Amino acid sequence: MDPTTWPWNLPQSVPLSLRDLIGRPVRTVRPGDVITLEYIAGRVTFFLDDAGLVADIGFEPEEPATRSA
């Protein structure tokens, strides 16, 4: 799978500091939640574990990735 197509190119695309997250759209995803495929540029997704702690962070780049034919 090409890491630039879905959904994030980690860890390179994750902001380097919490300050970089200020003002960005955010969503949280708990185990078992359905994740929509809508793309929102700059959105940060916090993936929580069963205890509600952050297990992973996803970051959608400012520009959507394109698929190669």
PDB file of N, CA and C in Angstrom:
ATOM      1  N   MET A   1       0.842  -1.178   0.000  1.00  0.00           N
ATOM      2  CA  MET A   1       0.000   0.000   0.000  1.00  0.00           C
ATOM      3  C   MET A   1       0.886   1.239   0.000  1.00  0.00           C
ATOM      4  N   ASP A   2       0.534   2.196  -0.817  1.00  0.00           N
ATOM      5  CA  ASP A   2       1.253   3.465  -0.880  1.00  0.00           C
ATOM      6  C   ASP A   2       0.866   4.297   0.341  1.00  0.00           C
ATOM      7  N   PRO A   3       1.798   4.638   1.228  1.00  0.00           N
ATOM      8  CA  PRO A   3       1.451   5.354   2.458  1.00  0.00           C
ATOM      9  C   PRO A   3       0.955   6.771   2.226  1.00  0.00           C
ATOM     10  N   THR A   4       1.073   7.311   1.018  1.00  0.00           N
ATOM     11  CA  THR A   4       0.600   8.675   0.778  1.00  0.00           C
ATOM     12  C   THR A   4      -0.862   8.712   0.363  1.00  0.00           C
ATOM     13  N   THR A   5      -1.512   7.553   0.237  1.00  0.00           N
ATOM     14  CA  THR A   5      -2.884   7.567  -0.236  1.00  0.00           C
ATOM     15  C   THR A   5      -3.917   7.448   0.877  1.00  0.00           C
ATOM     16  N   TRP A   6      -3.636   6.670   1.925  1.00  0.00           N
ATOM     17  CA  TRP A   6      -4.653   6.503   2.952  1.00  0.00           C
ATOM     18  C   TRP A   6      -4.074   6.069   4.257  1.00  0.00           C
ATOM     19  N   PRO A   7      -4.578   6.540   5.356  1.00  0.00           N
ATOM     20  CA  PRO A   7      -5.145   7.869   5.487  1.00  0.00           C
ATOM     21  C   PRO A   7      -4.085   8.880   5.847  1.00  0.00           C
ATOM     22  N   TRP A   8      -2.966   8.410   6.405  1.00  0.00           N
ATOM     23  CA  TRP A   8      -1.899   9.327   6.792  1.00  0.00           C
ATOM     24  C   TRP A   8      -0.557   8.686   6.516  1.00  0.00           C
ATOM     25  N   ASN A   9       0.394   9.528   6.267  1.00  0.00           N
ATOM     26  CA  ASN A   9       1.771   9.067   6.105  1.00  0.00           C
ATOM     27  C   ASN A   9       2.461   9.291   7.445  1.00  0.00           C
ATOM     28  N   LEU A  10       2.439   8.273   8.296  1.00  0.00           N
ATOM     29  CA  LEU A  10       3.011   8.412   9.632  1.00  0.00           C
ATOM     30  C   LEU A  10       4.422   7.873   9.669  1.00  0.00           C
ATOM     31  N   PRO A  11       5.330   8.360  10.461  1.00  0.00           N
ATOM     32  CA  PRO A  11       5.148   9.489  11.376  1.00  0.00           C
ATOM     33  C   PRO A  11       5.481  10.840  10.745  1.00  0.00           C
ATOM     34  N   GLN A  12       5.891  10.862   9.495  1.00  0.00           N
ATOM     35  CA  GLN A  12       6.344  12.104   8.884  1.00  0.00           C
ATOM     36  C   GLN A  12       5.285  13.211   8.870  1.00  0.00           C
ATOM     37  N   SER A  13       4.006  12.864   8.772  1.00  0.00           N
ATOM     38  CA  SER A  13       2.984  13.890   8.638  1.00  0.00           C
ATOM     39  C   SER A  13       2.423  14.386   9.974  1.00  0.00           C
ATOM     40  N   VAL A  14       2.846  13.791  11.078  1.00  0.00           N
ATOM     41  CA  VAL A  14       2.339  14.212  12.380  1.00  0.00           C
ATOM     42  C   VAL A  14       3.081  15.462  12.836  1.00  0.00           C
ATOM     43  N   PRO A  15       2.325  16.487  13.304  1.00  0.00           N
ATOM     44  CA  PRO A  15       2.990  17.707  13.786  1.00  0.00           C
ATOM     45  C   PRO A  15       4.010  17.375  14.872  1.00  0.00           C
ATOM     46  N   LEU A  16       5.047  18.179  14.944  1.00  0.00           N
ATOM     47  CA  LEU A  16       6.144  17.903  15.865  1.00  0.00           C
ATOM     48  C   LEU A  16       5.884  18.356  17.293  1.00  0.00           C
ATOM     49  N   SER A  17       4.910  19.265  17.490  1.00  0.00           N
ATOM     50  CA  SER A  17       4.631  19.719  18.847  1.00  0.00           C
ATOM     51  C   SER A  17       3.126  19.915  19.023  1.00  0.00           C
ATOM     52  N   LEU A  18       2.692  19.925  20.265  1.00  0.00           N
ATOM     53  CA  LEU A  18       1.277  20.157  20.540  1.00  0.00           C
ATOM     54  C   LEU A  18       0.841  21.539  20.066  1.00  0.00           C
ATOM     55  N   ARG A  19       1.735  22.490  20.060  1.00  0.00           N
ATOM     56  CA  ARG A  19       1.415  23.838  19.601  1.00  0.00           C
ATOM     57  C   ARG A  19       0.942  23.810  18.143  1.00  0.00           C
ATOM     58  N   ASP A  20       1.455  22.877  17.353  1.00  0.00           N
ATOM     59  CA  ASP A  20       1.048  22.750  15.954  1.00  0.00           C
ATOM     60  C   ASP A  20      -0.393  22.284  15.808  1.00  0.00           C
ATOM     61  N   LEU A  21      -0.995  21.766  16.879  1.00  0.00           N
ATOM     62  CA  LEU A  21      -2.370  21.278  16.821  1.00  0.00           C
ATOM     63  C   LEU A  21      -3.404  22.367  17.073  1.00  0.00           C
ATOM     64  N   ILE A  22      -2.981  23.488  17.630  1.00  0.00           N
ATOM     65  CA  ILE A  22      -3.916  24.557  17.971  1.00  0.00           C
ATOM     66  C   ILE A  22      -4.622  25.075  16.722  1.00  0.00           C
ATOM     67  N   GLY A  23      -5.938  25.116  16.795  1.00  0.00           N
ATOM     68  CA  GLY A  23      -6.754  25.639  15.707  1.00  0.00           C
ATOM     69  C   GLY A  23      -7.112  24.615  14.637  1.00  0.00           C
ATOM     70  N   ARG A  24      -6.623  23.407  14.760  1.00  0.00           N
ATOM     71  CA  ARG A  24      -6.926  22.377  13.756  1.00  0.00           C
ATOM     72  C   ARG A  24      -8.209  21.640  14.140  1.00  0.00           C
ATOM     73  N   PRO A  25      -8.954  21.157  13.128  1.00  0.00           N
ATOM     74  CA  PRO A  25     -10.097  20.299  13.435  1.00  0.00           C
ATOM     75  C   PRO A  25      -9.598  19.008  14.081  1.00  0.00           C
ATOM     76  N   VAL A  26     -10.345  18.506  15.050  1.00  0.00           N
ATOM     77  CA  VAL A  26      -9.930  17.316  15.799  1.00  0.00           C
ATOM     78  C   VAL A  26     -11.104  16.349  15.905  1.00  0.00           C
ATOM     79  N   ARG A  27     -10.786  15.052  15.887  1.00  0.00           N
ATOM     80  CA  ARG A  27     -11.782  14.033  16.210  1.00  0.00           C
ATOM     81  C   ARG A  27     -11.104  12.979  17.059  1.00  0.00           C
ATOM     82  N   THR A  28     -11.916  12.273  17.846  1.00  0.00           N
ATOM     83  CA  THR A  28     -11.409  11.158  18.632  1.00  0.00           C
ATOM     84  C   THR A  28     -12.106   9.891  18.151  1.00  0.00           C
ATOM     85  N   VAL A  29     -11.368   8.802  18.165  1.00  0.00           N
ATOM     86  CA  VAL A  29     -11.890   7.507  17.735  1.00  0.00           C
ATOM     87  C   VAL A  29     -11.590   6.501  18.838  1.00  0.00           C
ATOM     88  N   ARG A  30     -12.659   5.885  19.313  1.00  0.00           N
ATOM     89  CA  ARG A  30     -12.527   4.850  20.349  1.00  0.00           C
ATOM     90  C   ARG A  30     -12.580   3.472  19.690  1.00  0.00           C
ATOM     91  N   PRO A  31     -12.085   2.445  20.364  1.00  0.00           N
ATOM     92  CA  PRO A  31     -12.158   1.092  19.801  1.00  0.00           C
ATOM     93  C   PRO A  31     -13.609   0.747  19.412  1.00  0.00           C
ATOM     94  N   GLY A  32     -13.768   0.249  18.203  1.00  0.00           N
ATOM     95  CA  GLY A  32     -15.092  -0.127  17.726  1.00  0.00           C
ATOM     96  C   GLY A  32     -15.843   0.977  17.009  1.00  0.00           C
ATOM     97  N   ASP A  33     -15.364   2.233  17.091  1.00  0.00           N
ATOM     98  CA  ASP A  33     -16.008   3.337  16.379  1.00  0.00           C
ATOM     99  C   ASP A  33     -15.861   3.163  14.878  1.00  0.00           C
ATOM    100  N   VAL A  34     -16.850   3.624  14.140  1.00  0.00           N
ATOM    101  CA  VAL A  34     -16.778   3.643  12.687  1.00  0.00           C
ATOM    102  C   VAL A  34     -16.050   4.913  12.275  1.00  0.00           C
ATOM    103  N   ILE A  35     -15.070   4.769  11.380  1.00  0.00           N
ATOM    104  CA  ILE A  35     -14.308   5.918  10.905  1.00  0.00           C
ATOM    105  C   ILE A  35     -14.791   6.268   9.499  1.00  0.00           C
ATOM    106  N   THR A  36     -15.246   7.494   9.333  1.00  0.00           N
ATOM    107  CA  THR A  36     -15.702   7.930   8.016  1.00  0.00           C
ATOM    108  C   THR A  36     -14.506   8.177   7.108  1.00  0.00           C
ATOM    109  N   LEU A  37     -14.738   8.146   5.819  1.00  0.00           N
ATOM    110  CA  LEU A  37     -13.668   8.351   4.848  1.00  0.00           C
ATOM    111  C   LEU A  37     -13.579   9.799   4.375  1.00  0.00           C
ATOM    112  N   GLU A  38     -14.377  10.683   4.976  1.00  0.00           N
ATOM    113  CA  GLU A  38     -14.315  12.077   4.554  1.00  0.00           C
ATOM    114  C   GLU A  38     -12.938  12.654   4.868  1.00  0.00           C
ATOM    115  N   TYR A  39     -12.471  13.525   3.986  1.00  0.00           N
ATOM    116  CA  TYR A  39     -11.157  14.132   4.147  1.00  0.00           C
ATOM    117  C   TYR A  39     -11.344  15.569   4.607  1.00  0.00           C
ATOM    118  N   ILE A  40     -10.723  15.930   5.702  1.00  0.00           N
ATOM    119  CA  ILE A  40     -10.722  17.308   6.175  1.00  0.00           C
ATOM    120  C   ILE A  40      -9.261  17.714   6.332  1.00  0.00           C
ATOM    121  N   ALA A  41      -8.826  18.616   5.470  1.00  0.00           N
ATOM    122  CA  ALA A  41      -7.415  19.033   5.467  1.00  0.00           C
ATOM    123  C   ALA A  41      -6.990  19.531   6.842  1.00  0.00           C
ATOM    124  N   GLY A  42      -5.863  19.008   7.312  1.00  0.00           N
ATOM    125  CA  GLY A  42      -5.294  19.442   8.576  1.00  0.00           C
ATOM    126  C   GLY A  42      -5.911  18.815   9.810  1.00  0.00           C
ATOM    127  N   ARG A  43      -6.901  17.948   9.637  1.00  0.00           N
ATOM    128  CA  ARG A  43      -7.563  17.350  10.803  1.00  0.00           C
ATOM    129  C   ARG A  43      -6.621  16.389  11.527  1.00  0.00           C
ATOM    130  N   VAL A  44      -6.747  16.404  12.839  1.00  0.00           N
ATOM    131  CA  VAL A  44      -5.985  15.505  13.700  1.00  0.00           C
ATOM    132  C   VAL A  44      -6.964  14.506  14.303  1.00  0.00           C
ATOM    133  N   THR A  45      -6.600  13.236  14.255  1.00  0.00           N
ATOM    134  CA  THR A  45      -7.434  12.194  14.844  1.00  0.00           C
ATOM    135  C   THR A  45      -6.675  11.539  15.980  1.00  0.00           C
ATOM    136  N   PHE A  46      -7.289  11.541  17.162  1.00  0.00           N
ATOM    137  CA  PHE A  46      -6.726  10.870  18.321  1.00  0.00           C
ATOM    138  C   PHE A  46      -7.401   9.511  18.439  1.00  0.00           C
ATOM    139  N   PHE A  47      -6.623   8.453  18.361  1.00  0.00           N
ATOM    140  CA  PHE A  47      -7.123   7.097  18.516  1.00  0.00           C
ATOM    141  C   PHE A  47      -6.953   6.705  19.982  1.00  0.00           C
ATOM    142  N   LEU A  48      -8.055   6.427  20.643  1.00  0.00           N
ATOM    143  CA  LEU A  48      -8.025   6.107  22.066  1.00  0.00           C
ATOM    144  C   LEU A  48      -8.068   4.601  22.277  1.00  0.00           C
ATOM    145  N   ASP A  49      -7.488   4.158  23.388  1.00  0.00           N
ATOM    146  CA  ASP A  49      -7.561   2.734  23.727  1.00  0.00           C
ATOM    147  C   ASP A  49      -8.780   2.499  24.619  1.00  0.00           C
ATOM    148  N   ASP A  50      -8.933   1.288  25.109  1.00  0.00           N
ATOM    149  CA  ASP A  50     -10.089   0.944  25.933  1.00  0.00           C
ATOM    150  C   ASP A  50     -10.171   1.763  27.217  1.00  0.00           C
ATOM    151  N   ALA A  51      -9.038   2.235  27.692  1.00  0.00           N
ATOM    152  CA  ALA A  51      -9.006   3.040  28.914  1.00  0.00           C
ATOM    153  C   ALA A  51      -9.230   4.520  28.638  1.00  0.00           C
ATOM    154  N   GLY A  52      -9.371   4.902  27.356  1.00  0.00           N
ATOM    155  CA  GLY A  52      -9.564   6.306  26.996  1.00  0.00           C
ATOM    156  C   GLY A  52      -8.276   7.085  26.852  1.00  0.00           C
ATOM    157  N   LEU A  53      -7.143   6.384  26.834  1.00  0.00           N
ATOM    158  CA  LEU A  53      -5.845   7.036  26.659  1.00  0.00           C
ATOM    159  C   LEU A  53      -5.482   7.072  25.181  1.00  0.00           C
ATOM    160  N   VAL A  54      -4.721   8.085  24.783  1.00  0.00           N
ATOM    161  CA  VAL A  54      -4.305   8.211  23.390  1.00  0.00           C
ATOM    162  C   VAL A  54      -3.319   7.101  23.050  1.00  0.00           C
ATOM    163  N   ALA A  55      -3.696   6.282  22.070  1.00  0.00           N
ATOM    164  CA  ALA A  55      -2.850   5.173  21.636  1.00  0.00           C
ATOM    165  C   ALA A  55      -2.105   5.512  20.351  1.00  0.00           C
ATOM    166  N   ASP A  56      -2.656   6.428  19.565  1.00  0.00           N
ATOM    167  CA  ASP A  56      -2.044   6.813  18.294  1.00  0.00           C
ATOM    168  C   ASP A  56      -2.645   8.143  17.864  1.00  0.00           C
ATOM    169  N   ILE A  57      -1.956   8.830  16.983  1.00  0.00           N
ATOM    170  CA  ILE A  57      -2.427  10.104  16.450  1.00  0.00           C
ATOM    171  C   ILE A  57      -2.286  10.072  14.942  1.00  0.00           C
ATOM    172  N   GLY A  58      -3.346  10.468  14.246  1.00  0.00           N
ATOM    173  CA  GLY A  58      -3.307  10.577  12.790  1.00  0.00           C
ATOM    174  C   GLY A  58      -3.465  12.023  12.391  1.00  0.00           C
ATOM    175  N   PHE A  59      -2.820  12.418  11.312  1.00  0.00           N
ATOM    176  CA  PHE A  59      -2.848  13.796  10.852  1.00  0.00           C
ATOM    177  C   PHE A  59      -3.097  13.809   9.355  1.00  0.00           C
ATOM    178  N   GLU A  60      -4.160  14.497   8.935  1.00  0.00           N
ATOM    179  CA  GLU A  60      -4.443  14.618   7.514  1.00  0.00           C
ATOM    180  C   GLU A  60      -3.704  15.853   6.976  1.00  0.00           C
ATOM    181  N   PRO A  61      -2.871  15.667   5.957  1.00  0.00           N
ATOM    182  CA  PRO A  61      -2.104  16.794   5.414  1.00  0.00           C
ATOM    183  C   PRO A  61      -3.008  17.906   4.912  1.00  0.00           C
ATOM    184  N   GLU A  62      -2.429  19.090   4.751  1.00  0.00           N
ATOM    185  CA  GLU A  62      -3.184  20.245   4.254  1.00  0.00           C
ATOM    186  C   GLU A  62      -3.713  19.996   2.846  1.00  0.00           C
ATOM    187  N   GLU A  63      -2.957  19.289   2.037  1.00  0.00           N
ATOM    188  CA  GLU A  63      -3.375  18.972   0.676  1.00  0.00           C
ATOM    189  C   GLU A  63      -3.661  17.478   0.585  1.00  0.00           C
ATOM    190  N   PRO A  64      -4.822  17.106  -0.002  1.00  0.00           N
ATOM    191  CA  PRO A  64      -5.107  15.674  -0.115  1.00  0.00           C
ATOM    192  C   PRO A  64      -4.093  14.949  -0.998  1.00  0.00           C
ATOM    193  N   ALA A  65      -3.760  13.746  -0.593  1.00  0.00           N
ATOM    194  CA  ALA A  65      -2.856  12.909  -1.388  1.00  0.00           C
ATOM    195  C   ALA A  65      -3.613  12.407  -2.618  1.00  0.00           C
ATOM    196  N   THR A  66      -2.884  12.188  -3.685  1.00  0.00           N
ATOM    197  CA  THR A  66      -3.521  11.675  -4.889  1.00  0.00           C
ATOM    198  C   THR A  66      -3.006  10.255  -5.134  1.00  0.00           C
ATOM    199  N   ARG A  67      -3.856   9.455  -5.722  1.00  0.00           N
ATOM    200  CA  ARG A  67      -3.478   8.087  -6.042  1.00  0.00           C
ATOM    201  C   ARG A  67      -2.778   8.051  -7.380  1.00  0.00           C
ATOM    202  N   SER A  68      -1.796   7.190  -7.463  1.00  0.00           N
ATOM    203  CA  SER A  68      -1.099   6.991  -8.731  1.00  0.00           C
ATOM    204  C   SER A  68      -1.867   5.962  -9.542  1.00  0.00           C
ATOM    205  N   ALA A  69      -1.923   6.179 -10.853  1.00  0.00           N
ATOM    206  CA  ALA A  69      -2.643   5.237 -11.704  1.00  0.00           C
ATOM    207  C   ALA A  69      -1.773   4.060 -12.046  1.00  0.00           C
TER     208      ALA A  69
END
